[in-house]
């Protein structure tokens, strides 16, 4: 027969074990404690419609930098290069300046936006993805004089227009920290726009405004408003009624 002392000791040990398990309220792997997980080397989606809109509304390179980084949902800061190749063609390059040398290097490129003046008061714009976003090409977007656009575009329609960035503008390395801080403040003020998982991918944010283009490993997609493929709900068989 088991003595009352042994039964008491066993019950006490069990109670201590259950109490310790119940007191551990820390989330696994830091879930809930770090809203913006590190996304270095992670293919974070980009809403290309918003990128194109940002360029159309931008009043200059610094304004464009701010707009682009408010759109991008990763942790890296996107630097911008603006180059007027001639009086008709301007190329904007978005890149991760990983070595902080303030220049565009091929492995750092994310996208280019090319604007071409096609006639009097007329222009076309096309965006192309690079690196993890390789394969994305926007349709040619037509811009005409009189549309509501920022000064980066509207100035190009002026009769006296002369290219400003024949010597390319590059995001200064010293400005990256300011862009990071500005974006953090924007995210804090707009938490509903940024629902993120720790993988660096968004979730629970369906969007029908963009078309997904470009592929990445595992069957997911990057680019456009949707990330991955939506899956229809499982069919549930009705329970069989017993006779």
Protein backbone atom coordinates (compact mmCIF):
# COMPACT_ATOMS: atom_id res chain seq x y z
CA UNK A 1 0.00 0.00 0.00
CA UNK A 2 1.29 3.46 -0.94
CA UNK A 3 1.84 5.61 2.13
CA UNK A 4 0.05 8.93 2.59
CA UNK A 5 3.44 10.69 2.62
CA UNK A 6 4.34 9.44 -0.89
CA UNK A 7 0.92 10.43 -2.21
CA UNK A 8 1.33 13.94 -0.77
CA UNK A 9 4.83 14.34 -2.31
CA UNK A 10 3.59 13.22 -5.74
CA UNK A 11 0.62 15.59 -5.63
CA UNK A 12 2.86 18.50 -4.62
CA UNK A 13 5.33 17.80 -7.46
CA UNK A 14 2.48 17.65 -9.98
CA UNK A 15 1.04 20.94 -8.74
CA UNK A 16 4.45 22.68 -9.03
CA UNK A 17 4.89 21.40 -12.60
CA UNK A 18 1.47 22.58 -13.70
CA UNK A 19 1.99 25.96 -12.04
CA UNK A 20 5.30 26.52 -13.82
CA UNK A 21 3.74 25.64 -17.18
CA UNK A 22 0.83 27.98 -16.58
CA UNK A 23 3.09 30.90 -15.68
CA UNK A 24 5.10 30.75 -18.94
CA UNK A 25 3.29 33.41 -20.95
CA UNK A 26 6.21 34.45 -23.17
CA UNK A 27 5.29 34.07 -26.85
CA UNK A 28 7.27 31.47 -28.82
CA UNK A 29 10.23 32.82 -30.78
CA UNK A 30 9.35 36.38 -29.80
CA UNK A 31 5.97 36.36 -31.56
CA UNK A 32 4.04 39.46 -30.52
CA UNK A 33 7.12 41.30 -29.29
CA UNK A 34 8.62 42.32 -32.64
CA UNK A 35 6.17 43.77 -35.13
CA UNK A 36 8.72 44.28 -37.92
CA UNK A 37 10.68 41.06 -38.38
CA UNK A 38 14.00 41.18 -40.20
CA UNK A 39 13.49 40.78 -43.92
CA UNK A 40 17.08 40.89 -45.16
CA UNK A 41 17.37 38.50 -48.12
CA UNK A 42 13.62 37.87 -47.96
CA UNK A 43 11.44 38.50 -50.98
CA UNK A 44 9.00 41.04 -49.60
CA UNK A 45 6.23 41.91 -52.01
CA UNK A 46 6.02 45.31 -53.66
CA UNK A 47 2.75 46.88 -54.78
CA UNK A 48 3.78 48.07 -58.21
CA UNK A 49 0.63 50.09 -58.77
CA UNK A 50 1.57 52.19 -55.74
CA UNK A 51 5.16 52.53 -56.95
CA UNK A 52 3.96 53.86 -60.31
CA UNK A 53 1.56 56.19 -58.54
CA UNK A 54 4.35 57.45 -56.27
CA UNK A 55 6.45 58.41 -59.28
CA UNK A 56 3.55 60.21 -60.92
CA UNK A 57 2.88 62.24 -57.75
CA UNK A 58 6.48 62.91 -56.68
CA UNK A 59 7.73 66.49 -56.55
CA UNK A 60 11.39 65.51 -56.63
CA UNK A 61 13.83 62.72 -55.73
CA UNK A 62 13.56 63.21 -51.97
CA UNK A 63 9.77 63.17 -52.11
CA UNK A 64 9.94 60.01 -54.23
CA UNK A 65 12.29 58.34 -51.72
CA UNK A 66 9.82 58.99 -48.93
CA UNK A 67 6.85 57.70 -50.91
CA UNK A 68 8.64 54.54 -52.08
CA UNK A 69 9.83 53.63 -48.59
CA UNK A 70 6.36 54.13 -47.15
CA UNK A 71 5.10 51.62 -49.72
CA UNK A 72 7.84 49.02 -49.19
CA UNK A 73 6.98 46.62 -46.35
CA UNK A 74 10.42 45.22 -45.56
CA UNK A 75 13.09 46.50 -43.18
CA UNK A 76 15.60 47.59 -45.79
CA UNK A 77 15.59 51.20 -46.99
CA UNK A 78 15.23 51.67 -50.74
CA UNK A 79 17.65 54.21 -52.19
CA UNK A 80 16.81 56.12 -55.37
CA UNK A 81 18.88 57.14 -58.37
CA UNK A 82 17.48 59.65 -60.90
CA UNK A 83 19.21 60.09 -64.24
CA UNK A 84 18.14 62.26 -67.17
CA UNK A 85 19.74 60.42 -70.08
CA UNK A 86 18.71 63.20 -72.46
CA UNK A 87 15.92 65.78 -72.86
CA UNK A 88 13.31 63.05 -73.39
CA UNK A 89 14.33 60.09 -71.24
CA UNK A 90 14.58 59.87 -67.47
CA UNK A 91 15.41 56.65 -65.62
CA UNK A 92 14.73 56.19 -61.91
CA UNK A 93 16.38 53.21 -60.21
CA UNK A 94 15.38 51.77 -56.84
CA UNK A 95 18.13 49.83 -55.09
CA UNK A 96 19.34 48.49 -51.76
CA UNK A 97 22.59 50.35 -51.08
CA UNK A 98 24.04 47.47 -49.05
CA UNK A 99 27.64 48.72 -49.15
CA UNK A 100 26.54 52.33 -48.47
CA UNK A 101 28.68 53.74 -51.27
CA UNK A 102 25.82 55.77 -52.74
CA UNK A 103 26.01 54.21 -56.20
CA UNK A 104 23.86 51.69 -58.05
CA UNK A 105 25.45 48.29 -58.46
CA UNK A 106 23.75 45.61 -60.53
CA UNK A 107 23.11 43.11 -57.67
CA UNK A 108 21.48 45.91 -55.63
CA UNK A 109 18.87 46.92 -58.23
CA UNK A 110 15.19 46.38 -57.40
CA UNK A 111 13.40 48.27 -60.18
CA UNK A 112 13.71 50.96 -62.81
CA UNK A 113 11.10 53.48 -63.92
CA UNK A 114 11.70 54.88 -67.40
CA UNK A 115 9.91 58.01 -68.56
CA UNK A 116 10.02 58.97 -72.24
CA UNK A 117 8.59 62.12 -73.80
CA UNK A 118 6.72 60.81 -76.85
CA UNK A 119 5.29 64.05 -78.24
CA UNK A 120 4.17 67.54 -77.34
CA UNK A 121 2.57 67.25 -73.90
CA UNK A 122 2.75 63.47 -73.98
CA UNK A 123 4.90 60.88 -72.19
CA UNK A 124 4.94 57.20 -71.36
CA UNK A 125 6.23 55.45 -68.24
CA UNK A 126 7.22 51.82 -67.71
CA UNK A 127 8.44 50.04 -64.57
CA UNK A 128 10.67 46.95 -64.67
CA UNK A 129 11.67 44.68 -61.78
CA UNK A 130 15.14 43.29 -61.07
CA UNK A 131 16.70 40.77 -58.69
CA UNK A 132 13.97 38.97 -56.73
CA UNK A 133 11.42 41.00 -58.72
CA UNK A 134 12.86 40.01 -62.11
CA UNK A 135 10.19 39.38 -64.69
CA UNK A 136 7.86 42.24 -63.74
CA UNK A 137 7.12 44.71 -66.53
CA UNK A 138 4.32 47.21 -66.21
CA UNK A 139 2.32 48.17 -69.27
CA UNK A 140 3.31 51.49 -70.82
CA UNK A 141 1.42 54.14 -68.86
CA UNK A 142 0.42 57.18 -70.88
CA UNK A 143 0.78 60.61 -69.26
CA UNK A 144 -0.54 63.75 -70.93
CA UNK A 145 -0.18 67.40 -70.09
CA UNK A 146 -3.01 68.56 -67.86
CA UNK A 147 -3.16 65.41 -65.74
CA UNK A 148 -2.66 65.89 -62.00
CA UNK A 149 0.95 64.82 -61.54
CA UNK A 150 3.91 65.92 -59.43
CA UNK A 151 6.59 68.28 -60.63
CA UNK A 152 8.99 65.49 -61.60
CA UNK A 153 6.64 64.76 -64.48
CA UNK A 154 4.89 68.07 -65.07
CA UNK A 155 8.16 69.99 -65.50
CA UNK A 156 9.06 67.74 -68.42
CA UNK A 157 6.07 69.15 -70.34
CA UNK A 158 7.23 72.75 -69.99
CA UNK A 159 8.41 74.34 -73.28
CA UNK A 160 11.54 75.62 -71.53
CA UNK A 161 12.30 72.27 -69.87
CA UNK A 162 15.96 71.35 -69.57
CA UNK A 163 17.11 68.06 -68.01
CA UNK A 164 18.01 68.55 -64.35
CA UNK A 165 19.66 65.24 -63.51
CA UNK A 166 22.15 64.78 -66.33
CA UNK A 167 24.50 64.14 -63.44
CA UNK A 168 22.51 61.45 -61.60
CA UNK A 169 20.97 62.13 -58.21
CA UNK A 170 21.71 59.34 -55.70
CA UNK A 171 20.24 58.93 -52.22
CA UNK A 172 23.09 60.02 -49.92
CA UNK A 173 24.19 57.29 -47.52
CA UNK A 174 23.69 59.75 -44.67
CA UNK A 175 20.01 60.13 -45.61
CA UNK A 176 19.20 56.42 -45.22
CA UNK A 177 18.86 56.70 -41.44
CA UNK A 178 16.46 59.64 -41.85
CA UNK A 179 14.35 57.66 -44.33
CA UNK A 180 14.26 54.72 -41.92
CA UNK A 181 13.06 56.97 -39.08
CA UNK A 182 10.46 58.71 -41.25
CA UNK A 183 9.10 55.37 -42.40
CA UNK A 184 8.98 54.02 -38.83
CA UNK A 185 6.90 57.04 -37.80
CA UNK A 186 4.60 56.51 -40.79
CA UNK A 187 4.10 52.83 -39.90
CA UNK A 188 3.40 53.68 -36.27
CA UNK A 189 0.77 56.20 -37.35
CA UNK A 190 -0.84 53.75 -39.80
CA UNK A 191 -0.74 50.32 -38.10
CA UNK A 192 -3.76 49.01 -40.00
CA UNK A 193 -1.86 49.22 -43.29
CA UNK A 194 0.93 46.94 -42.12
CA UNK A 195 -0.17 43.51 -40.90
CA UNK A 196 2.90 41.32 -41.03
CA UNK A 197 4.08 37.85 -40.20
CA UNK A 198 7.58 37.14 -38.93
CA UNK A 199 8.56 35.69 -42.30
CA UNK A 200 8.44 39.21 -43.72
CA UNK A 201 5.33 38.40 -45.77
CA UNK A 202 2.03 40.15 -45.38
CA UNK A 203 -1.09 38.30 -44.41
CA UNK A 204 -4.81 39.00 -44.22
CA UNK A 205 -4.49 41.86 -46.70
CA UNK A 206 -6.24 40.92 -49.94
CA UNK A 207 -5.88 43.47 -52.68
CA UNK A 208 -7.42 43.44 -56.10
CA UNK A 209 -5.72 46.54 -57.44
CA UNK A 210 -2.60 44.88 -58.84
CA UNK A 211 -1.74 41.90 -60.93
CA UNK A 212 0.82 39.46 -59.51
CA UNK A 213 3.75 39.01 -61.83
CA UNK A 214 7.16 37.51 -61.36
CA UNK A 215 7.65 34.26 -59.47
CA UNK A 216 9.71 33.10 -56.57
CA UNK A 217 10.50 29.71 -55.15
CA UNK A 218 7.78 27.65 -53.53
CA UNK A 219 5.05 28.69 -55.94
CA UNK A 220 4.53 32.13 -54.34
CA UNK A 221 4.49 35.36 -56.28
CA UNK A 222 5.96 38.75 -55.73
CA UNK A 223 4.82 41.98 -57.28
CA UNK A 224 1.34 43.41 -57.59
CA UNK A 225 -1.23 43.53 -54.86
CA UNK A 226 -1.55 39.79 -54.10
CA UNK A 227 1.09 37.63 -52.47
CA UNK A 228 0.69 33.93 -53.23
CA UNK A 229 -2.42 32.24 -54.50
CA UNK A 230 -5.71 32.24 -52.72
CA UNK A 231 -7.01 28.79 -51.94
CA UNK A 232 -10.68 27.94 -51.94
CA UNK A 233 -12.09 26.62 -48.69
CA UNK A 234 -12.15 22.87 -48.15
CA UNK A 235 -15.30 21.04 -49.06
CA UNK A 236 -16.84 19.53 -45.96
CA UNK A 237 -18.81 16.38 -46.48
CA UNK A 238 -22.14 16.23 -44.69
CA UNK A 239 -22.30 13.75 -41.87
CA UNK A 240 -23.95 10.46 -42.77
CA UNK A 241 -27.23 10.01 -40.99
CA UNK A 242 -27.57 6.75 -39.15
CA UNK A 243 -30.50 4.56 -40.12
